[in-house]
């Protein structure tokens, strides 16, 4: 909600001020489609949204495959998320001051590569098409979130896929997920670069993704 072809007028700032709002949407979609069990593939914050949904309705998910997921982006005592609050304040300030300029600078950093690459161009279009106030609200919800307490409640098997170099999610976060998830989990660090490896390195990601979809770690 708030990006792509969705009507921005339907974006509920209060509902989507927490990731739980997105998890409720996911459960509503699965119910509407009458999905009784699925393999959920989620990238970045969508992976965490999937975990929240799986805590509420574990019967709907046979496994979770997560790409570049992080339960918390802010550094904390005994936890390295990759960002200090000052970093996030600067990011939010740049979005407020000149959203289009921020998009142009953020896209190549997030994806990995130069502004002319097809992957960066595609991600840039996604950002440019978002209404700036919605984009800022979504960014604040994502980067200020802390879902670490949810991890231990997840009983569904989780496959954690991570780029070896990711601006938003340090590799150590994938090991943190592995150590703190309540159910079975497995980690694979891919040789891809960037936070959106499915865009920047599909030749690396797709075979890994398919292998984890087919491979079951549940005992």
N, C-alpha and C. Protein backbone atom coordinates (compact mmCIF):
# COMPACT_ATOMS: atom_id res chain seq x y z
N UNK A 1 0.84 -1.19 0.00
CA UNK A 1 0.00 0.00 0.00
C UNK A 1 0.88 1.25 0.00
N UNK A 2 0.55 2.20 -0.88
CA UNK A 2 1.30 3.45 -0.92
C UNK A 2 2.30 3.52 -2.06
N UNK A 3 2.49 2.41 -2.77
CA UNK A 3 3.41 2.42 -3.91
C UNK A 3 2.78 1.65 -5.06
N UNK A 4 3.45 1.70 -6.22
CA UNK A 4 2.93 0.99 -7.38
C UNK A 4 1.60 1.55 -7.83
N UNK A 5 0.69 0.69 -8.29
CA UNK A 5 -0.59 1.15 -8.83
C UNK A 5 -1.64 1.47 -7.77
N UNK A 6 -1.32 1.30 -6.49
CA UNK A 6 -2.32 1.55 -5.45
C UNK A 6 -2.66 3.04 -5.37
N UNK A 7 -3.89 3.33 -5.02
CA UNK A 7 -4.36 4.71 -4.89
C UNK A 7 -3.80 5.31 -3.60
N UNK A 8 -3.00 6.37 -3.70
CA UNK A 8 -2.40 6.95 -2.49
C UNK A 8 -3.43 7.47 -1.50
N UNK A 9 -4.63 7.76 -1.98
CA UNK A 9 -5.68 8.26 -1.09
C UNK A 9 -6.11 7.21 -0.08
N UNK A 10 -5.84 5.94 -0.37
CA UNK A 10 -6.23 4.85 0.53
C UNK A 10 -5.16 4.58 1.59
N UNK A 11 -4.04 5.26 1.49
CA UNK A 11 -2.97 5.02 2.46
C UNK A 11 -3.38 5.57 3.82
N UNK A 12 -3.42 4.71 4.81
CA UNK A 12 -3.81 5.07 6.16
C UNK A 12 -2.54 5.27 7.00
N UNK A 13 -2.20 6.52 7.28
CA UNK A 13 -0.95 6.81 7.96
C UNK A 13 -0.90 6.18 9.36
N UNK A 14 -2.03 6.11 10.03
CA UNK A 14 -2.05 5.51 11.36
C UNK A 14 -1.88 3.99 11.28
N UNK A 15 -2.61 3.35 10.36
CA UNK A 15 -2.53 1.90 10.22
C UNK A 15 -1.12 1.46 9.87
N UNK A 16 -0.48 2.20 8.97
CA UNK A 16 0.84 1.80 8.49
C UNK A 16 1.98 2.49 9.23
N UNK A 17 1.67 2.96 10.45
CA UNK A 17 2.74 3.50 11.29
C UNK A 17 3.49 2.38 12.00
N UNK A 18 3.00 1.15 11.87
CA UNK A 18 3.70 -0.02 12.39
C UNK A 18 3.64 -1.13 11.35
N UNK A 19 4.55 -2.08 11.45
CA UNK A 19 4.60 -3.17 10.48
C UNK A 19 3.42 -4.12 10.64
N UNK A 20 2.79 -4.11 11.80
CA UNK A 20 1.62 -4.97 12.01
C UNK A 20 0.50 -4.66 11.02
N UNK A 21 0.37 -3.39 10.64
CA UNK A 21 -0.65 -3.01 9.67
C UNK A 21 -0.47 -3.73 8.34
N UNK A 22 0.78 -3.86 7.91
CA UNK A 22 1.07 -4.58 6.67
C UNK A 22 0.84 -6.09 6.84
N UNK A 23 1.14 -6.61 8.03
CA UNK A 23 0.92 -8.03 8.30
C UNK A 23 -0.56 -8.37 8.24
N UNK A 24 -1.40 -7.49 8.75
CA UNK A 24 -2.85 -7.72 8.68
C UNK A 24 -3.30 -7.73 7.22
N UNK A 25 -2.71 -6.87 6.40
CA UNK A 25 -3.04 -6.86 4.97
C UNK A 25 -2.67 -8.18 4.32
N UNK A 26 -1.48 -8.69 4.65
CA UNK A 26 -1.02 -9.95 4.09
C UNK A 26 -1.98 -11.08 4.45
N UNK A 27 -2.38 -11.15 5.71
CA UNK A 27 -3.31 -12.19 6.14
C UNK A 27 -4.66 -12.05 5.44
N UNK A 28 -5.10 -10.81 5.24
CA UNK A 28 -6.38 -10.58 4.55
C UNK A 28 -6.31 -11.04 3.10
N UNK A 29 -5.15 -10.82 2.46
CA UNK A 29 -4.97 -11.26 1.07
C UNK A 29 -5.00 -12.78 0.98
N UNK A 30 -4.29 -13.45 1.88
CA UNK A 30 -4.28 -14.92 1.88
C UNK A 30 -5.67 -15.48 2.14
N UNK A 31 -6.40 -14.83 3.02
CA UNK A 31 -7.77 -15.28 3.30
C UNK A 31 -8.67 -15.07 2.09
N UNK A 32 -8.53 -13.92 1.44
CA UNK A 32 -9.35 -13.63 0.27
C UNK A 32 -9.07 -14.60 -0.87
N UNK A 33 -7.81 -15.00 -1.01
CA UNK A 33 -7.42 -15.95 -2.07
C UNK A 33 -7.65 -17.40 -1.64
N UNK A 34 -8.11 -17.58 -0.42
CA UNK A 34 -8.38 -18.91 0.15
C UNK A 34 -7.13 -19.80 0.13
N UNK A 35 -5.99 -19.18 0.46
CA UNK A 35 -4.73 -19.91 0.57
C UNK A 35 -4.69 -20.60 1.92
N UNK A 36 -4.54 -21.90 1.92
CA UNK A 36 -4.50 -22.66 3.17
C UNK A 36 -3.07 -22.88 3.68
N UNK A 37 -2.12 -22.88 2.77
CA UNK A 37 -0.72 -23.01 3.16
C UNK A 37 0.14 -22.54 2.00
N UNK A 38 1.22 -21.82 2.29
CA UNK A 38 2.06 -21.30 1.21
C UNK A 38 3.51 -21.23 1.64
N UNK A 39 4.39 -21.14 0.66
CA UNK A 39 5.79 -20.77 0.88
C UNK A 39 5.86 -19.27 0.67
N UNK A 40 6.23 -18.53 1.70
CA UNK A 40 6.26 -17.08 1.60
C UNK A 40 7.68 -16.61 1.28
N UNK A 41 7.81 -15.85 0.21
CA UNK A 41 9.09 -15.25 -0.16
C UNK A 41 8.98 -13.75 0.04
N UNK A 42 9.81 -13.22 0.95
CA UNK A 42 9.74 -11.80 1.25
C UNK A 42 11.09 -11.15 1.20
N UNK A 43 11.12 -9.93 0.65
CA UNK A 43 12.37 -9.17 0.57
C UNK A 43 12.35 -8.01 1.56
N UNK A 44 13.45 -7.83 2.28
CA UNK A 44 13.63 -6.70 3.17
C UNK A 44 12.52 -6.63 4.21
N UNK A 45 11.84 -5.49 4.31
CA UNK A 45 10.80 -5.34 5.33
C UNK A 45 9.63 -6.29 5.09
N UNK A 46 9.41 -6.68 3.83
CA UNK A 46 8.32 -7.62 3.55
C UNK A 46 8.57 -8.97 4.21
N UNK A 47 9.82 -9.34 4.35
CA UNK A 47 10.15 -10.59 5.03
C UNK A 47 9.77 -10.53 6.50
N UNK A 48 10.02 -9.38 7.13
CA UNK A 48 9.65 -9.20 8.53
C UNK A 48 8.14 -9.15 8.69
N UNK A 49 7.47 -8.52 7.74
CA UNK A 49 6.00 -8.52 7.74
C UNK A 49 5.48 -9.95 7.68
N UNK A 50 6.13 -10.78 6.87
CA UNK A 50 5.75 -12.19 6.78
C UNK A 50 5.93 -12.91 8.11
N UNK A 51 7.02 -12.60 8.83
CA UNK A 51 7.27 -13.21 10.14
C UNK A 51 6.17 -12.85 11.13
N UNK A 52 5.77 -11.58 11.12
CA UNK A 52 4.70 -11.13 12.03
C UNK A 52 3.41 -11.88 11.72
N UNK A 53 3.11 -12.02 10.42
CA UNK A 53 1.90 -12.74 10.02
C UNK A 53 1.98 -14.21 10.43
N UNK A 54 3.18 -14.78 10.33
CA UNK A 54 3.37 -16.20 10.66
C UNK A 54 3.23 -16.47 12.15
N UNK A 55 3.49 -15.47 12.97
CA UNK A 55 3.27 -15.62 14.41
C UNK A 55 1.77 -15.72 14.70
N UNK A 56 0.99 -14.90 13.99
CA UNK A 56 -0.46 -14.89 14.18
C UNK A 56 -1.13 -16.13 13.59
N UNK A 57 -0.68 -16.51 12.37
CA UNK A 57 -1.29 -17.65 11.68
C UNK A 57 -0.21 -18.58 11.11
N UNK A 58 0.49 -19.32 11.96
CA UNK A 58 1.56 -20.20 11.48
C UNK A 58 1.06 -21.28 10.53
N UNK A 59 -0.22 -21.64 10.63
CA UNK A 59 -0.79 -22.67 9.76
C UNK A 59 -0.81 -22.28 8.30
N UNK A 60 -0.72 -20.98 8.02
CA UNK A 60 -0.79 -20.50 6.63
C UNK A 60 0.56 -20.56 5.91
N UNK A 61 1.64 -20.83 6.66
CA UNK A 61 2.98 -20.76 6.07
C UNK A 61 3.74 -22.06 6.31
N UNK A 62 4.16 -22.71 5.22
CA UNK A 62 4.96 -23.93 5.36
C UNK A 62 6.44 -23.59 5.55
N UNK A 63 6.86 -22.45 5.01
CA UNK A 63 8.22 -21.97 5.22
C UNK A 63 8.29 -20.50 4.81
N UNK A 64 9.31 -19.82 5.32
CA UNK A 64 9.59 -18.43 4.95
C UNK A 64 10.95 -18.38 4.27
N UNK A 65 11.01 -17.74 3.12
CA UNK A 65 12.29 -17.49 2.45
C UNK A 65 12.49 -15.98 2.46
N UNK A 66 13.51 -15.54 3.17
CA UNK A 66 13.72 -14.11 3.41
C UNK A 66 14.99 -13.62 2.72
N UNK A 67 14.86 -12.54 1.99
CA UNK A 67 15.99 -11.93 1.30
C UNK A 67 16.27 -10.57 1.92
N UNK A 68 17.48 -10.36 2.41
CA UNK A 68 17.92 -9.06 2.95
C UNK A 68 16.99 -8.56 4.05
N UNK A 69 16.65 -9.43 4.98
CA UNK A 69 15.74 -9.06 6.07
C UNK A 69 16.51 -8.55 7.28
N UNK A 70 15.88 -7.62 8.01
CA UNK A 70 16.47 -7.12 9.25
C UNK A 70 15.37 -6.84 10.27
N UNK A 71 15.54 -7.32 11.50
CA UNK A 71 14.54 -7.04 12.54
C UNK A 71 14.68 -5.64 13.13
N UNK A 72 15.85 -5.03 12.93
CA UNK A 72 16.10 -3.69 13.46
C UNK A 72 17.27 -3.07 12.70
N UNK A 73 17.12 -1.82 12.27
CA UNK A 73 18.17 -1.16 11.50
C UNK A 73 19.08 -0.31 12.37
N UNK A 74 18.59 0.09 13.53
CA UNK A 74 19.39 0.91 14.45
C UNK A 74 20.34 0.05 15.28
N UNK A 75 21.54 0.55 15.47
CA UNK A 75 22.47 -0.11 16.37
C UNK A 75 21.93 -0.02 17.80
N UNK A 76 22.27 -1.02 18.60
CA UNK A 76 21.83 -1.05 19.99
C UNK A 76 22.92 -1.75 20.80
N UNK A 77 22.75 -1.81 22.10
CA UNK A 77 23.70 -2.53 22.94
C UNK A 77 23.73 -4.00 22.52
N UNK A 78 24.89 -4.50 22.21
CA UNK A 78 25.06 -5.89 21.78
C UNK A 78 24.29 -6.21 20.50
N UNK A 79 24.03 -5.21 19.69
CA UNK A 79 23.35 -5.45 18.40
C UNK A 79 23.85 -4.43 17.38
N UNK A 80 24.22 -4.93 16.19
CA UNK A 80 24.68 -4.05 15.11
C UNK A 80 23.69 -4.13 13.96
N UNK A 81 22.91 -3.06 13.81
CA UNK A 81 21.93 -3.01 12.71
C UNK A 81 22.43 -2.25 11.51
N UNK A 82 23.49 -1.45 11.70
CA UNK A 82 24.09 -0.74 10.58
C UNK A 82 23.91 0.77 10.60
N UNK A 83 22.97 1.29 11.42
CA UNK A 83 22.67 2.72 11.43
C UNK A 83 22.67 3.27 12.86
N UNK A 84 23.11 4.51 12.97
CA UNK A 84 22.91 5.30 14.18
C UNK A 84 21.70 6.20 13.96
N UNK A 85 21.10 6.70 15.05
CA UNK A 85 19.93 7.56 14.91
C UNK A 85 20.25 8.80 14.07
N UNK A 86 21.46 9.32 14.21
CA UNK A 86 21.88 10.48 13.43
C UNK A 86 21.83 10.19 11.93
N UNK A 87 22.22 8.98 11.55
CA UNK A 87 22.17 8.58 10.14
C UNK A 87 20.74 8.62 9.62
N UNK A 88 19.82 8.09 10.42
CA UNK A 88 18.41 8.05 10.01
C UNK A 88 17.81 9.44 9.97
N UNK A 89 18.16 10.28 10.93
CA UNK A 89 17.65 11.65 10.94
C UNK A 89 18.09 12.39 9.68
N UNK A 90 19.32 12.17 9.26
CA UNK A 90 19.82 12.79 8.03
C UNK A 90 19.08 12.26 6.81
N UNK A 91 18.81 10.96 6.80
CA UNK A 91 18.08 10.35 5.69
C UNK A 91 16.68 10.94 5.60
N UNK A 92 15.97 11.02 6.73
CA UNK A 92 14.61 11.58 6.73
C UNK A 92 14.63 13.05 6.34
N UNK A 93 15.64 13.78 6.80
CA UNK A 93 15.75 15.20 6.45
C UNK A 93 15.95 15.40 4.96
N UNK A 94 16.78 14.56 4.36
CA UNK A 94 17.01 14.65 2.92
C UNK A 94 15.75 14.35 2.13
N UNK A 95 14.96 13.42 2.61
CA UNK A 95 13.69 13.10 1.94
C UNK A 95 12.72 14.27 2.01
N UNK A 96 12.69 14.94 3.16
CA UNK A 96 11.80 16.10 3.32
C UNK A 96 12.25 17.28 2.46
N UNK A 97 13.57 17.51 2.41
CA UNK A 97 14.09 18.70 1.74
C UNK A 97 13.94 18.64 0.23
N UNK A 98 14.28 17.51 -0.36
CA UNK A 98 14.21 17.39 -1.83
C UNK A 98 14.06 15.91 -2.17
N UNK A 99 12.83 15.47 -2.26
CA UNK A 99 12.56 14.04 -2.40
C UNK A 99 13.16 13.46 -3.68
N UNK A 100 13.01 14.16 -4.79
CA UNK A 100 13.51 13.62 -6.06
C UNK A 100 15.04 13.51 -6.05
N UNK A 101 15.69 14.50 -5.47
CA UNK A 101 17.16 14.43 -5.38
C UNK A 101 17.58 13.27 -4.48
N UNK A 102 16.82 13.07 -3.40
CA UNK A 102 17.13 11.94 -2.51
C UNK A 102 16.99 10.62 -3.25
N UNK A 103 15.92 10.47 -4.02
CA UNK A 103 15.71 9.24 -4.81
C UNK A 103 16.89 8.96 -5.73
N UNK A 104 17.34 10.01 -6.42
CA UNK A 104 18.44 9.85 -7.38
C UNK A 104 19.72 9.40 -6.70
N UNK A 105 19.93 9.85 -5.46
CA UNK A 105 21.14 9.46 -4.74
C UNK A 105 21.02 8.13 -4.03
N UNK A 106 19.82 7.84 -3.53
CA UNK A 106 19.62 6.64 -2.73
C UNK A 106 19.55 5.38 -3.58
N UNK A 107 18.93 5.47 -4.75
CA UNK A 107 18.71 4.28 -5.59
C UNK A 107 19.99 3.53 -5.93
N UNK A 108 21.03 4.20 -6.47
CA UNK A 108 22.26 3.45 -6.78
C UNK A 108 22.96 2.91 -5.54
N UNK A 109 22.84 3.60 -4.40
CA UNK A 109 23.46 3.10 -3.17
C UNK A 109 22.76 1.83 -2.69
N UNK A 110 21.44 1.83 -2.76
CA UNK A 110 20.67 0.69 -2.27
C UNK A 110 20.81 -0.52 -3.18
N UNK A 111 20.71 -0.28 -4.48
CA UNK A 111 20.75 -1.38 -5.44
C UNK A 111 22.17 -1.89 -5.63
N UNK A 112 23.11 -0.96 -5.68
CA UNK A 112 24.49 -1.32 -6.00
C UNK A 112 24.70 -1.19 -7.49
N UNK A 113 25.48 -0.22 -7.91
CA UNK A 113 25.68 0.01 -9.34
C UNK A 113 25.51 1.48 -9.67
N UNK A 114 25.67 1.81 -10.95
CA UNK A 114 25.56 3.21 -11.34
C UNK A 114 24.12 3.55 -11.73
N UNK A 115 23.86 4.83 -11.86
CA UNK A 115 22.51 5.34 -12.11
C UNK A 115 21.95 4.86 -13.43
N UNK A 116 22.82 4.46 -14.35
CA UNK A 116 22.37 4.08 -15.69
C UNK A 116 21.97 2.61 -15.79
N UNK A 117 22.25 1.81 -14.78
CA UNK A 117 21.92 0.39 -14.86
C UNK A 117 20.41 0.19 -14.83
N UNK A 118 19.95 -0.88 -15.47
CA UNK A 118 18.51 -1.15 -15.56
C UNK A 118 17.90 -1.37 -14.18
N UNK A 119 18.64 -2.03 -13.30
CA UNK A 119 18.13 -2.30 -11.95
C UNK A 119 17.94 -1.01 -11.17
N UNK A 120 18.91 -0.11 -11.25
CA UNK A 120 18.81 1.17 -10.54
C UNK A 120 17.67 2.00 -11.12
N UNK A 121 17.54 1.99 -12.43
CA UNK A 121 16.47 2.75 -13.09
C UNK A 121 15.10 2.24 -12.64
N UNK A 122 14.95 0.94 -12.55
CA UNK A 122 13.67 0.37 -12.14
C UNK A 122 13.33 0.75 -10.70
N UNK A 123 14.31 0.65 -9.82
CA UNK A 123 14.08 1.01 -8.43
C UNK A 123 13.81 2.51 -8.29
N UNK A 124 14.51 3.31 -9.07
CA UNK A 124 14.29 4.76 -9.05
C UNK A 124 12.86 5.10 -9.44
N UNK A 125 12.35 4.43 -10.48
CA UNK A 125 10.97 4.68 -10.91
C UNK A 125 9.98 4.36 -9.80
N UNK A 126 10.24 3.26 -9.08
CA UNK A 126 9.37 2.90 -7.96
C UNK A 126 9.35 4.00 -6.91
N UNK A 127 10.53 4.54 -6.57
CA UNK A 127 10.61 5.60 -5.58
C UNK A 127 9.97 6.89 -6.08
N UNK A 128 10.27 7.26 -7.33
CA UNK A 128 9.73 8.49 -7.89
C UNK A 128 8.21 8.48 -7.94
N UNK A 129 7.62 7.31 -8.12
CA UNK A 129 6.16 7.20 -8.25
C UNK A 129 5.43 7.25 -6.91
N UNK A 130 6.17 7.19 -5.82
CA UNK A 130 5.55 7.30 -4.50
C UNK A 130 5.33 8.77 -4.14
N UNK A 131 4.21 9.05 -3.49
CA UNK A 131 3.98 10.40 -3.00
C UNK A 131 4.99 10.67 -1.89
N UNK A 132 5.69 11.80 -1.90
CA UNK A 132 6.77 12.04 -0.95
C UNK A 132 6.38 11.89 0.52
N UNK A 133 5.19 12.35 0.90
CA UNK A 133 4.81 12.23 2.31
C UNK A 133 4.57 10.78 2.71
N UNK A 134 4.07 9.97 1.77
CA UNK A 134 3.88 8.55 2.03
C UNK A 134 5.23 7.85 2.11
N UNK A 135 6.12 8.18 1.18
CA UNK A 135 7.45 7.57 1.17
C UNK A 135 8.19 7.85 2.48
N UNK A 136 8.08 9.08 3.00
CA UNK A 136 8.74 9.44 4.25
C UNK A 136 8.13 8.65 5.41
N UNK A 137 6.82 8.55 5.44
CA UNK A 137 6.15 7.80 6.50
C UNK A 137 6.56 6.33 6.49
N UNK A 138 6.60 5.74 5.31
CA UNK A 138 7.00 4.34 5.16
C UNK A 138 8.45 4.15 5.61
N UNK A 139 9.32 5.05 5.19
CA UNK A 139 10.74 4.96 5.57
C UNK A 139 10.90 5.04 7.08
N UNK A 140 10.17 5.95 7.72
CA UNK A 140 10.26 6.09 9.17
C UNK A 140 9.76 4.82 9.88
N UNK A 141 8.66 4.26 9.38
CA UNK A 141 8.13 3.03 9.97
C UNK A 141 9.13 1.90 9.86
N UNK A 142 9.75 1.78 8.69
CA UNK A 142 10.70 0.69 8.47
C UNK A 142 11.96 0.87 9.30
N UNK A 143 12.62 2.01 9.16
CA UNK A 143 13.93 2.19 9.76
C UNK A 143 13.89 2.37 11.28
N UNK A 144 12.73 2.77 11.82
CA UNK A 144 12.62 2.92 13.27
C UNK A 144 12.02 1.69 13.94
N UNK A 145 11.69 0.67 13.15
CA UNK A 145 11.05 -0.52 13.70
C UNK A 145 12.06 -1.37 14.48
N UNK A 146 11.53 -2.13 15.43
CA UNK A 146 12.34 -3.08 16.19
C UNK A 146 11.49 -4.32 16.41
N UNK A 147 11.74 -5.34 15.63
CA UNK A 147 10.95 -6.57 15.69
C UNK A 147 11.72 -7.73 16.32
N UNK A 148 12.76 -7.42 17.08
CA UNK A 148 13.60 -8.48 17.65
C UNK A 148 12.81 -9.38 18.60
N UNK A 149 11.86 -8.80 19.33
CA UNK A 149 11.09 -9.60 20.27
C UNK A 149 10.16 -10.59 19.59
N UNK A 150 9.87 -10.36 18.33
CA UNK A 150 8.97 -11.26 17.58
C UNK A 150 9.68 -12.54 17.17
N UNK A 151 10.99 -12.47 16.96
CA UNK A 151 11.73 -13.57 16.35
C UNK A 151 11.54 -14.90 17.10
N UNK A 152 11.61 -14.86 18.39
CA UNK A 152 11.51 -16.09 19.18
C UNK A 152 10.14 -16.74 19.10
N UNK A 153 9.14 -15.99 18.66
CA UNK A 153 7.78 -16.52 18.55
C UNK A 153 7.51 -17.17 17.19
N UNK A 154 8.47 -17.07 16.28
CA UNK A 154 8.30 -17.62 14.93
C UNK A 154 8.67 -19.11 14.95
N UNK A 155 7.69 -19.95 14.68
CA UNK A 155 7.92 -21.40 14.68
C UNK A 155 8.08 -21.96 13.27
N UNK A 156 7.70 -21.18 12.27
CA UNK A 156 7.78 -21.62 10.87
C UNK A 156 9.25 -21.69 10.42
N UNK A 157 9.66 -22.72 9.68
CA UNK A 157 11.04 -22.80 9.17
C UNK A 157 11.40 -21.58 8.32
N UNK A 158 12.59 -21.05 8.52
CA UNK A 158 13.01 -19.83 7.82
C UNK A 158 14.33 -20.03 7.08
N UNK A 159 14.34 -19.63 5.82
CA UNK A 159 15.54 -19.64 4.99
C UNK A 159 15.99 -18.20 4.82
N UNK A 160 17.18 -17.87 5.32
CA UNK A 160 17.67 -16.49 5.36
C UNK A 160 18.73 -16.31 4.26
N UNK A 161 18.42 -15.48 3.28
CA UNK A 161 19.34 -15.22 2.17
C UNK A 161 19.83 -13.78 2.27
N UNK A 162 21.13 -13.58 2.10
CA UNK A 162 21.72 -12.27 2.33
C UNK A 162 22.85 -12.00 1.34
N UNK A 163 22.91 -10.77 0.82
CA UNK A 163 24.03 -10.37 -0.02
C UNK A 163 25.28 -10.19 0.82
N UNK A 164 26.43 -10.48 0.25
CA UNK A 164 27.69 -10.33 0.98
C UNK A 164 27.97 -8.86 1.25
N UNK A 165 27.41 -7.97 0.42
CA UNK A 165 27.57 -6.53 0.61
C UNK A 165 26.21 -5.88 0.45
N UNK A 166 25.73 -5.25 1.53
CA UNK A 166 24.39 -4.67 1.53
C UNK A 166 24.43 -3.39 2.36
N UNK A 167 24.11 -2.26 1.73
CA UNK A 167 24.14 -0.96 2.40
C UNK A 167 23.20 -0.92 3.61
N UNK A 168 22.05 -1.57 3.50
CA UNK A 168 21.01 -1.47 4.53
C UNK A 168 21.11 -2.55 5.60
N UNK A 169 21.61 -3.73 5.22
CA UNK A 169 21.61 -4.87 6.14
C UNK A 169 22.99 -5.52 6.18
N UNK A 170 23.75 -5.31 7.25
CA UNK A 170 25.06 -5.96 7.38
C UNK A 170 24.90 -7.49 7.44
N UNK A 171 25.88 -8.20 6.96
CA UNK A 171 25.82 -9.67 6.94
C UNK A 171 25.58 -10.24 8.34
N UNK A 172 26.12 -9.59 9.36
CA UNK A 172 25.98 -10.10 10.72
C UNK A 172 24.52 -10.18 11.16
N UNK A 173 23.65 -9.39 10.54
CA UNK A 173 22.23 -9.42 10.89
C UNK A 173 21.61 -10.77 10.50
N UNK A 174 22.06 -11.35 9.40
CA UNK A 174 21.51 -12.65 8.99
C UNK A 174 21.83 -13.72 10.03
N UNK A 175 23.01 -13.63 10.63
CA UNK A 175 23.37 -14.58 11.69
C UNK A 175 22.55 -14.32 12.96
N UNK A 176 22.27 -13.05 13.22
CA UNK A 176 21.42 -12.71 14.37
C UNK A 176 20.03 -13.34 14.20
N UNK A 177 19.47 -13.23 13.02
CA UNK A 177 18.17 -13.85 12.74
C UNK A 177 18.24 -15.36 12.99
N UNK A 178 19.28 -15.96 12.45
CA UNK A 178 19.46 -17.41 12.58
C UNK A 178 19.51 -17.85 14.04
N UNK A 179 20.18 -17.07 14.86
CA UNK A 179 20.37 -17.42 16.28
C UNK A 179 19.12 -17.16 17.12
N UNK A 180 18.24 -16.27 16.67
CA UNK A 180 17.14 -15.84 17.53
C UNK A 180 15.76 -16.27 17.04
N UNK A 181 15.64 -16.79 15.84
CA UNK A 181 14.34 -17.28 15.38
C UNK A 181 13.93 -18.51 16.20
N UNK A 182 12.63 -18.62 16.49
CA UNK A 182 12.16 -19.69 17.35
C UNK A 182 12.16 -21.07 16.72
N UNK A 183 12.03 -21.13 15.40
CA UNK A 183 11.99 -22.41 14.71
C UNK A 183 13.29 -22.73 13.99
N UNK A 184 13.24 -23.74 13.14
CA UNK A 184 14.41 -24.10 12.35
C UNK A 184 14.76 -22.98 11.37
N UNK A 185 16.06 -22.77 11.15
CA UNK A 185 16.46 -21.75 10.18
C UNK A 185 17.80 -22.11 9.57
N UNK A 186 18.06 -21.52 8.44
CA UNK A 186 19.31 -21.74 7.71
C UNK A 186 19.70 -20.43 7.04
N UNK A 187 21.01 -20.17 6.93
CA UNK A 187 21.50 -18.93 6.33
C UNK A 187 22.35 -19.25 5.11
N UNK A 188 22.17 -18.46 4.06
CA UNK A 188 23.09 -18.52 2.93
C UNK A 188 23.45 -17.09 2.52
N UNK A 189 24.75 -16.79 2.56
CA UNK A 189 25.24 -15.49 2.12
C UNK A 189 25.64 -15.61 0.66
N UNK A 190 24.98 -14.83 -0.18
CA UNK A 190 25.20 -14.89 -1.63
C UNK A 190 26.30 -13.92 -2.04
N UNK A 191 26.91 -14.17 -3.16
CA UNK A 191 27.99 -13.31 -3.66
C UNK A 191 27.47 -12.05 -4.33
N UNK A 192 26.19 -11.77 -4.19
CA UNK A 192 25.57 -10.59 -4.79
C UNK A 192 25.92 -9.32 -4.01
N UNK A 193 25.68 -8.17 -4.66
CA UNK A 193 26.01 -6.87 -4.09
C UNK A 193 24.74 -6.01 -4.09
N UNK A 194 24.44 -5.40 -2.95
CA UNK A 194 23.30 -4.49 -2.90
C UNK A 194 22.14 -5.04 -2.10
N UNK A 195 21.21 -4.13 -1.77
CA UNK A 195 20.05 -4.50 -0.96
C UNK A 195 18.92 -5.11 -1.79
N UNK A 196 19.01 -4.99 -3.08
CA UNK A 196 17.99 -5.57 -3.97
C UNK A 196 18.65 -6.53 -4.95
N UNK A 197 19.25 -7.61 -4.47
CA UNK A 197 20.00 -8.50 -5.35
C UNK A 197 19.13 -9.18 -6.40
N UNK A 198 17.83 -9.30 -6.14
CA UNK A 198 16.95 -9.89 -7.14
C UNK A 198 16.85 -9.00 -8.38
N UNK A 199 17.16 -7.70 -8.21
CA UNK A 199 17.20 -6.78 -9.34
C UNK A 199 18.59 -6.67 -9.93
N UNK A 200 19.59 -6.53 -9.05
CA UNK A 200 20.96 -6.28 -9.52
C UNK A 200 21.70 -7.55 -9.93
N UNK A 201 21.36 -8.69 -9.32
CA UNK A 201 22.08 -9.94 -9.61
C UNK A 201 21.12 -11.12 -9.73
N UNK A 202 20.14 -11.05 -10.64
CA UNK A 202 19.17 -12.15 -10.74
C UNK A 202 19.80 -13.48 -11.10
N UNK A 203 20.93 -13.44 -11.82
CA UNK A 203 21.61 -14.68 -12.20
C UNK A 203 22.17 -15.41 -10.99
N UNK A 204 22.46 -14.67 -9.93
CA UNK A 204 22.93 -15.27 -8.68
C UNK A 204 21.75 -15.66 -7.79
N UNK A 205 20.80 -14.77 -7.69
CA UNK A 205 19.71 -14.93 -6.72
C UNK A 205 18.71 -16.00 -7.11
N UNK A 206 18.31 -16.03 -8.37
CA UNK A 206 17.24 -16.95 -8.78
C UNK A 206 17.58 -18.42 -8.50
N UNK A 207 18.76 -18.91 -8.89
CA UNK A 207 19.08 -20.31 -8.57
C UNK A 207 19.08 -20.59 -7.07
N UNK A 208 19.61 -19.66 -6.28
CA UNK A 208 19.64 -19.82 -4.82
C UNK A 208 18.21 -19.84 -4.27
N UNK A 209 17.40 -18.93 -4.76
CA UNK A 209 16.01 -18.84 -4.31
C UNK A 209 15.24 -20.11 -4.61
N UNK A 210 15.38 -20.61 -5.82
CA UNK A 210 14.67 -21.84 -6.20
C UNK A 210 15.14 -23.03 -5.38
N UNK A 211 16.42 -23.08 -5.10
CA UNK A 211 16.95 -24.18 -4.30
C UNK A 211 16.35 -24.18 -2.89
N UNK A 212 16.22 -22.99 -2.31
CA UNK A 212 15.67 -22.91 -0.96
C UNK A 212 14.16 -23.13 -0.94
N UNK A 213 13.50 -22.79 -2.00
CA UNK A 213 12.06 -23.07 -2.10
C UNK A 213 11.83 -24.58 -2.12
N UNK A 214 12.71 -25.29 -2.81
CA UNK A 214 12.56 -26.75 -2.97
C UNK A 214 13.07 -27.53 -1.78
N UNK A 215 14.02 -26.93 -1.03
CA UNK A 215 14.70 -27.66 0.05
C UNK A 215 13.99 -27.38 1.37
N UNK A 216 13.66 -28.45 2.09
CA UNK A 216 13.00 -28.31 3.38
C UNK A 216 13.98 -28.58 4.52
N UNK A 217 14.00 -27.68 5.50
CA UNK A 217 14.88 -27.87 6.65
C UNK A 217 14.11 -28.36 7.88
N UNK A 218 12.78 -28.37 7.77
CA UNK A 218 11.97 -28.79 8.90
C UNK A 218 12.21 -30.25 9.21
N UNK A 219 12.32 -30.58 10.49
CA UNK A 219 12.56 -31.95 10.90
C UNK A 219 11.26 -32.74 10.90
